[in-house]
N, C-alpha and C. Protein backbone atom coordinates (compact mmCIF):
# COMPACT_ATOMS: atom_id res chain seq x y z
N UNK A 1 75.29 216.44 79.82
CA UNK A 1 74.41 217.60 79.82
C UNK A 1 74.26 218.20 81.21
N UNK A 2 75.20 217.98 82.09
CA UNK A 2 75.14 218.62 83.39
C UNK A 2 74.58 217.75 84.49
N UNK A 3 74.75 216.43 84.36
CA UNK A 3 74.25 215.51 85.39
C UNK A 3 74.83 215.89 86.75
N UNK A 4 73.94 216.19 87.69
CA UNK A 4 74.36 216.56 89.03
C UNK A 4 73.54 215.75 90.03
N UNK A 5 74.21 214.88 90.73
CA UNK A 5 73.51 214.10 91.75
C UNK A 5 73.17 215.02 92.91
N UNK A 6 72.11 214.67 93.63
CA UNK A 6 71.67 215.48 94.76
C UNK A 6 71.56 214.58 95.97
N UNK A 7 72.31 214.92 97.04
CA UNK A 7 72.34 214.10 98.24
C UNK A 7 71.47 214.63 99.36
N UNK A 8 70.89 215.80 99.15
CA UNK A 8 70.10 216.42 100.21
C UNK A 8 70.93 217.52 100.86
N UNK A 9 70.24 218.45 101.48
CA UNK A 9 70.92 219.57 102.12
C UNK A 9 69.96 220.24 103.08
N UNK A 10 70.52 220.94 104.06
CA UNK A 10 69.67 221.74 104.93
C UNK A 10 69.62 223.18 104.43
N UNK A 11 70.37 223.47 103.37
CA UNK A 11 70.39 224.80 102.78
C UNK A 11 69.40 224.86 101.61
N UNK A 12 68.28 225.53 101.77
CA UNK A 12 67.27 225.57 100.71
C UNK A 12 67.79 226.20 99.42
N UNK A 13 68.74 227.09 99.52
CA UNK A 13 69.30 227.72 98.32
C UNK A 13 69.97 226.69 97.44
N UNK A 14 70.70 225.77 98.03
CA UNK A 14 71.37 224.70 97.27
C UNK A 14 70.32 223.83 96.58
N UNK A 15 69.25 223.52 97.30
CA UNK A 15 68.18 222.69 96.72
C UNK A 15 67.51 223.41 95.55
N UNK A 16 67.23 224.69 95.72
CA UNK A 16 66.60 225.46 94.64
C UNK A 16 67.52 225.54 93.42
N UNK A 17 68.81 225.70 93.66
CA UNK A 17 69.77 225.76 92.55
C UNK A 17 69.82 224.43 91.82
N UNK A 18 69.69 223.32 92.54
CA UNK A 18 69.70 222.01 91.89
C UNK A 18 68.47 221.86 90.99
N UNK A 19 67.31 222.26 91.49
CA UNK A 19 66.09 222.19 90.67
C UNK A 19 66.25 223.04 89.41
N UNK A 20 66.79 224.25 89.56
CA UNK A 20 66.99 225.13 88.41
C UNK A 20 67.97 224.51 87.41
N UNK A 21 69.02 223.88 87.90
CA UNK A 21 69.98 223.19 87.04
C UNK A 21 69.28 222.08 86.26
N UNK A 22 68.43 221.32 86.95
CA UNK A 22 67.70 220.24 86.30
C UNK A 22 66.79 220.79 85.21
N UNK A 23 66.13 221.90 85.48
CA UNK A 23 65.24 222.51 84.49
C UNK A 23 66.03 222.92 83.24
N UNK A 24 67.24 223.46 83.42
CA UNK A 24 68.06 223.85 82.27
C UNK A 24 68.47 222.63 81.45
N UNK A 25 68.82 221.56 82.12
CA UNK A 25 69.18 220.32 81.42
C UNK A 25 67.98 219.81 80.63
N UNK A 26 66.82 219.80 81.25
CA UNK A 26 65.61 219.31 80.58
C UNK A 26 65.27 220.16 79.36
N UNK A 27 65.49 221.46 79.48
CA UNK A 27 65.22 222.34 78.35
C UNK A 27 66.11 221.99 77.16
N UNK A 28 67.37 221.68 77.43
CA UNK A 28 68.29 221.31 76.37
C UNK A 28 67.94 219.97 75.75
N UNK A 29 67.49 219.04 76.58
CA UNK A 29 67.18 217.69 76.12
C UNK A 29 65.77 217.57 75.55
N UNK A 30 64.95 218.57 75.78
CA UNK A 30 63.56 218.54 75.35
C UNK A 30 62.85 217.26 75.83
N UNK A 31 62.96 217.03 77.12
CA UNK A 31 62.41 215.82 77.75
C UNK A 31 60.90 215.88 77.94
N UNK A 32 60.29 214.72 77.93
CA UNK A 32 58.88 214.61 78.34
C UNK A 32 58.83 214.66 79.86
N UNK A 33 57.65 214.88 80.43
CA UNK A 33 57.52 214.89 81.89
C UNK A 33 57.90 213.54 82.49
N UNK A 34 57.56 212.46 81.79
CA UNK A 34 57.91 211.13 82.29
C UNK A 34 59.42 210.94 82.32
N UNK A 35 60.11 211.38 81.29
CA UNK A 35 61.58 211.26 81.24
C UNK A 35 62.22 212.14 82.30
N UNK A 36 61.70 213.34 82.49
CA UNK A 36 62.23 214.26 83.52
C UNK A 36 62.15 213.59 84.88
N UNK A 37 61.00 213.02 85.13
CA UNK A 37 60.76 212.38 86.42
C UNK A 37 61.74 211.24 86.67
N UNK A 38 61.86 210.35 85.71
CA UNK A 38 62.76 209.19 85.87
C UNK A 38 64.21 209.62 86.01
N UNK A 39 64.62 210.59 85.23
CA UNK A 39 66.00 211.07 85.27
C UNK A 39 66.30 211.70 86.63
N UNK A 40 65.37 212.50 87.12
CA UNK A 40 65.56 213.17 88.41
C UNK A 40 65.70 212.16 89.54
N UNK A 41 64.81 211.19 89.58
CA UNK A 41 64.86 210.19 90.66
C UNK A 41 66.18 209.43 90.62
N UNK A 42 66.71 209.20 89.43
CA UNK A 42 67.99 208.48 89.32
C UNK A 42 69.15 209.28 89.90
N UNK A 43 68.99 210.60 90.04
CA UNK A 43 70.07 211.45 90.57
C UNK A 43 70.00 211.65 92.07
N UNK A 44 68.91 211.24 92.70
CA UNK A 44 68.80 211.39 94.15
C UNK A 44 69.69 210.38 94.85
N UNK A 45 70.43 210.84 95.83
CA UNK A 45 71.35 209.99 96.58
C UNK A 45 71.16 210.22 98.08
N UNK A 46 71.53 209.25 98.89
CA UNK A 46 71.57 209.35 100.35
C UNK A 46 70.29 209.94 100.94
N UNK A 47 70.39 211.05 101.70
CA UNK A 47 69.22 211.62 102.36
C UNK A 47 68.13 212.02 101.37
N UNK A 48 68.54 212.52 100.20
CA UNK A 48 67.54 212.93 99.21
C UNK A 48 66.74 211.72 98.72
N UNK A 49 67.40 210.60 98.50
CA UNK A 49 66.67 209.40 98.07
C UNK A 49 65.80 208.87 99.20
N UNK A 50 66.30 208.94 100.43
CA UNK A 50 65.50 208.51 101.58
C UNK A 50 64.22 209.34 101.68
N UNK A 51 64.35 210.65 101.43
CA UNK A 51 63.16 211.51 101.41
C UNK A 51 62.20 211.02 100.32
N UNK A 52 62.74 210.76 99.15
CA UNK A 52 61.88 210.36 98.03
C UNK A 52 61.09 209.11 98.34
N UNK A 53 61.74 208.09 98.90
CA UNK A 53 61.00 206.85 99.16
C UNK A 53 59.97 207.02 100.26
N UNK A 54 60.05 208.12 101.03
CA UNK A 54 59.03 208.38 102.05
C UNK A 54 57.78 209.02 101.45
N UNK A 55 57.87 209.51 100.21
CA UNK A 55 56.74 210.15 99.55
C UNK A 55 55.74 209.06 99.15
N UNK A 56 54.46 209.26 99.47
CA UNK A 56 53.47 208.24 99.10
C UNK A 56 53.50 207.95 97.60
N UNK A 57 53.39 206.69 97.27
CA UNK A 57 53.37 206.20 95.89
C UNK A 57 54.69 206.38 95.15
N UNK A 58 55.75 206.67 95.86
CA UNK A 58 57.04 206.83 95.19
C UNK A 58 57.46 205.53 94.51
N UNK A 59 57.06 204.42 95.10
CA UNK A 59 57.44 203.13 94.52
C UNK A 59 56.27 202.42 93.84
N UNK A 60 55.15 203.12 93.70
CA UNK A 60 53.98 202.51 93.07
C UNK A 60 54.26 202.20 91.61
N UNK A 61 53.73 201.12 91.13
CA UNK A 61 53.85 200.75 89.72
C UNK A 61 52.46 200.66 89.13
N UNK A 62 52.10 201.40 88.13
CA UNK A 62 52.91 202.43 87.51
C UNK A 62 53.02 203.65 88.42
N UNK A 63 54.04 204.45 88.21
CA UNK A 63 54.23 205.62 89.04
C UNK A 63 53.04 206.57 88.92
N UNK A 64 52.59 207.05 90.04
CA UNK A 64 51.44 207.94 90.09
C UNK A 64 51.90 209.39 89.99
N UNK A 65 53.08 209.67 90.48
CA UNK A 65 53.56 211.04 90.53
C UNK A 65 54.26 211.45 89.23
N UNK A 66 54.26 212.75 88.97
CA UNK A 66 54.89 213.31 87.77
C UNK A 66 56.02 214.23 88.19
N UNK A 67 56.73 214.77 87.20
CA UNK A 67 57.78 215.76 87.46
C UNK A 67 57.19 216.95 88.22
N UNK A 68 56.02 217.41 87.82
CA UNK A 68 55.39 218.55 88.48
C UNK A 68 55.07 218.24 89.94
N UNK A 69 54.60 217.02 90.21
CA UNK A 69 54.33 216.61 91.59
C UNK A 69 55.62 216.59 92.41
N UNK A 70 56.69 216.07 91.80
CA UNK A 70 57.98 216.01 92.48
C UNK A 70 58.44 217.41 92.86
N UNK A 71 58.41 218.33 91.91
CA UNK A 71 58.89 219.70 92.16
C UNK A 71 58.03 220.37 93.22
N UNK A 72 56.72 220.17 93.16
CA UNK A 72 55.82 220.78 94.13
C UNK A 72 56.14 220.29 95.55
N UNK A 73 56.27 218.99 95.72
CA UNK A 73 56.57 218.43 97.03
C UNK A 73 57.94 218.90 97.52
N UNK A 74 58.90 218.86 96.64
CA UNK A 74 60.28 219.24 96.96
C UNK A 74 60.34 220.71 97.36
N UNK A 75 59.72 221.58 96.57
CA UNK A 75 59.81 223.03 96.82
C UNK A 75 59.03 223.45 98.05
N UNK A 76 57.86 222.86 98.28
CA UNK A 76 57.09 223.25 99.46
C UNK A 76 57.87 222.94 100.73
N UNK A 77 58.43 221.75 100.77
CA UNK A 77 59.21 221.35 101.95
C UNK A 77 60.43 222.25 102.10
N UNK A 78 61.16 222.50 101.01
CA UNK A 78 62.35 223.34 101.08
C UNK A 78 62.02 224.77 101.49
N UNK A 79 60.93 225.33 100.93
CA UNK A 79 60.54 226.69 101.30
C UNK A 79 60.15 226.77 102.77
N UNK A 80 59.43 225.78 103.24
CA UNK A 80 59.04 225.78 104.65
C UNK A 80 60.28 225.73 105.54
N UNK A 81 61.21 224.84 105.21
CA UNK A 81 62.43 224.73 106.02
C UNK A 81 63.26 226.01 105.96
N UNK A 82 63.34 226.63 104.77
CA UNK A 82 64.10 227.87 104.63
C UNK A 82 63.50 228.98 105.48
N UNK A 83 62.19 229.13 105.39
CA UNK A 83 61.53 230.19 106.15
C UNK A 83 61.52 229.93 107.65
N UNK A 84 61.47 228.67 108.04
CA UNK A 84 61.43 228.36 109.47
C UNK A 84 62.73 228.73 110.17
N UNK A 85 63.81 228.86 109.41
CA UNK A 85 65.08 229.29 110.02
C UNK A 85 64.99 230.70 110.57
N UNK A 86 64.09 231.50 110.00
CA UNK A 86 63.93 232.89 110.44
C UNK A 86 62.86 233.05 111.49
N UNK A 87 62.33 231.96 111.97
CA UNK A 87 61.23 232.01 112.93
C UNK A 87 61.69 231.59 114.32
N UNK A 88 62.89 231.99 114.67
CA UNK A 88 63.41 231.66 116.00
C UNK A 88 62.45 232.11 117.08
N UNK A 89 62.19 231.26 118.04
CA UNK A 89 61.26 231.58 119.10
C UNK A 89 59.83 231.19 118.76
N UNK A 90 59.51 231.16 117.49
CA UNK A 90 58.16 230.76 117.07
C UNK A 90 58.13 229.26 116.82
N UNK A 91 59.18 228.76 116.19
CA UNK A 91 59.28 227.33 115.90
C UNK A 91 60.47 226.79 116.70
N UNK A 92 60.16 226.20 117.86
CA UNK A 92 61.21 225.78 118.77
C UNK A 92 61.51 224.29 118.77
N UNK A 93 60.84 223.53 117.96
CA UNK A 93 61.11 222.10 117.95
C UNK A 93 60.28 221.41 116.90
N UNK A 94 60.39 220.09 116.88
CA UNK A 94 59.70 219.28 115.88
C UNK A 94 58.18 219.46 115.97
N UNK A 95 57.66 219.52 117.17
CA UNK A 95 56.21 219.67 117.35
C UNK A 95 55.73 221.01 116.79
N UNK A 96 56.46 222.10 117.09
CA UNK A 96 56.09 223.41 116.57
C UNK A 96 56.23 223.46 115.05
N UNK A 97 57.27 222.81 114.53
CA UNK A 97 57.47 222.77 113.08
C UNK A 97 56.28 222.09 112.41
N UNK A 98 55.82 220.99 112.98
CA UNK A 98 54.66 220.28 112.43
C UNK A 98 53.41 221.15 112.49
N UNK A 99 53.21 221.82 113.63
CA UNK A 99 52.02 222.67 113.78
C UNK A 99 52.02 223.79 112.74
N UNK A 100 53.15 224.45 112.56
CA UNK A 100 53.24 225.56 111.60
C UNK A 100 53.07 225.05 110.17
N UNK A 101 53.63 223.88 109.89
CA UNK A 101 53.49 223.29 108.55
C UNK A 101 52.01 223.01 108.26
N UNK A 102 51.32 222.42 109.23
CA UNK A 102 49.90 222.13 109.08
C UNK A 102 49.11 223.40 108.79
N UNK A 103 49.45 224.49 109.48
CA UNK A 103 48.72 225.75 109.30
C UNK A 103 48.84 226.28 107.88
N UNK A 104 49.89 225.90 107.17
CA UNK A 104 50.08 226.37 105.80
C UNK A 104 49.39 225.51 104.75
N UNK A 105 48.83 224.39 105.16
CA UNK A 105 48.16 223.50 104.21
C UNK A 105 46.76 224.00 103.89
N UNK A 106 46.24 223.59 102.72
CA UNK A 106 44.86 223.99 102.40
C UNK A 106 43.91 223.26 103.34
N UNK A 107 42.69 223.80 103.46
CA UNK A 107 41.73 223.33 104.45
C UNK A 107 41.45 221.85 104.44
N UNK A 108 41.25 221.28 103.24
CA UNK A 108 40.92 219.86 103.13
C UNK A 108 42.06 218.99 103.66
N UNK A 109 43.25 219.29 103.23
CA UNK A 109 44.40 218.50 103.66
C UNK A 109 44.69 218.73 105.13
N UNK A 110 44.59 219.98 105.55
CA UNK A 110 44.86 220.32 106.95
C UNK A 110 43.95 219.54 107.89
N UNK A 111 42.65 219.53 107.59
CA UNK A 111 41.70 218.80 108.45
C UNK A 111 42.05 217.31 108.49
N UNK A 112 42.47 216.79 107.36
CA UNK A 112 42.74 215.35 107.27
C UNK A 112 43.99 214.94 108.04
N UNK A 113 45.02 215.77 108.02
CA UNK A 113 46.26 215.37 108.70
C UNK A 113 46.33 215.86 110.15
N UNK A 114 45.59 216.92 110.48
CA UNK A 114 45.63 217.44 111.85
C UNK A 114 45.15 216.41 112.85
N UNK A 115 44.17 215.63 112.45
CA UNK A 115 43.61 214.62 113.36
C UNK A 115 44.65 213.55 113.73
N UNK A 116 45.65 213.39 112.87
CA UNK A 116 46.70 212.39 113.13
C UNK A 116 47.65 212.83 114.25
N UNK A 117 47.71 214.14 114.53
CA UNK A 117 48.57 214.72 115.56
C UNK A 117 50.02 214.23 115.45
N UNK A 118 50.54 214.30 114.22
CA UNK A 118 51.90 213.85 113.98
C UNK A 118 52.91 214.85 114.52
N UNK A 119 53.96 214.34 115.11
CA UNK A 119 55.02 215.19 115.63
C UNK A 119 56.35 214.90 114.95
N UNK A 120 56.31 214.12 113.88
CA UNK A 120 57.48 213.84 113.06
C UNK A 120 57.27 214.57 111.73
N UNK A 121 58.12 215.55 111.44
CA UNK A 121 57.95 216.42 110.29
C UNK A 121 57.85 215.66 108.98
N UNK A 122 58.70 214.67 108.78
CA UNK A 122 58.70 213.94 107.51
C UNK A 122 57.48 213.03 107.39
N UNK A 123 57.00 212.49 108.50
CA UNK A 123 55.75 211.72 108.45
C UNK A 123 54.57 212.62 108.13
N UNK A 124 54.60 213.85 108.65
CA UNK A 124 53.54 214.81 108.35
C UNK A 124 53.53 215.16 106.86
N UNK A 125 54.69 215.38 106.29
CA UNK A 125 54.78 215.67 104.85
C UNK A 125 54.22 214.51 104.05
N UNK A 126 54.60 213.30 104.43
CA UNK A 126 54.11 212.11 103.73
C UNK A 126 52.59 212.01 103.82
N UNK A 127 52.03 212.26 105.00
CA UNK A 127 50.57 212.20 105.16
C UNK A 127 49.88 213.27 104.32
N UNK A 128 50.43 214.47 104.30
CA UNK A 128 49.83 215.55 103.50
C UNK A 128 49.84 215.21 102.02
N UNK A 129 50.95 214.65 101.54
CA UNK A 129 51.03 214.26 100.14
C UNK A 129 50.04 213.15 99.80
N UNK A 130 49.85 212.23 100.73
CA UNK A 130 48.88 211.15 100.52
C UNK A 130 47.47 211.72 100.38
N UNK A 131 47.09 212.63 101.28
CA UNK A 131 45.75 213.22 101.20
C UNK A 131 45.58 214.03 99.93
N UNK A 132 46.62 214.72 99.51
CA UNK A 132 46.52 215.49 98.28
C UNK A 132 46.31 214.55 97.09
N UNK A 133 47.05 213.45 97.05
CA UNK A 133 46.90 212.48 95.96
C UNK A 133 45.50 211.88 95.95
N UNK A 134 45.00 211.52 97.12
CA UNK A 134 43.66 210.94 97.21
C UNK A 134 42.61 211.94 96.71
N UNK A 135 42.77 213.20 97.09
CA UNK A 135 41.84 214.23 96.63
C UNK A 135 41.85 214.37 95.13
N UNK A 136 43.04 214.33 94.52
CA UNK A 136 43.14 214.42 93.06
C UNK A 136 42.50 213.21 92.39
N UNK A 137 42.71 212.03 92.95
CA UNK A 137 42.12 210.81 92.39
C UNK A 137 40.61 210.86 92.45
N UNK A 138 40.07 211.32 93.57
CA UNK A 138 38.62 211.42 93.72
C UNK A 138 38.04 212.43 92.74
N UNK A 139 38.73 213.54 92.58
CA UNK A 139 38.26 214.58 91.65
C UNK A 139 38.28 214.08 90.21
N UNK A 140 39.29 213.28 89.86
CA UNK A 140 39.36 212.79 88.48
C UNK A 140 38.31 211.72 88.22
N UNK A 141 37.88 211.01 89.22
CA UNK A 141 36.82 210.01 89.05
C UNK A 141 35.46 210.65 88.81
N UNK A 142 35.27 211.85 89.35
CA UNK A 142 33.99 212.54 89.19
C UNK A 142 33.93 213.07 87.83
């Protein structure tokens, strides 16, 4: 049904096309969100899989994240990287990339991760995802 492994890319267009391909496959298979999630993770290879295991709770049992969470994390990061290519002079390095990424986060998450003063982009993404998950858990308990 169109199994396409994904190894990661610096080209956001390729990443977006892979997500769209996966959506078409899921539509044909009429998958549940749980099945979509498991199938997608099985197709991640090399850098893409390394990114996945850096996501908080990626290895938690039972899995906390859903297909929708995966797509949201994947697309936000890809969109940020795609747009940052056009920001020459504004984003000149890892530190600037982290600062600009933080500025795009919602207030609650931004306040929580800004204090960490992270200068590693992927660690910043991981921290933001952790705070988002914690916020959702707290909201569901109320």
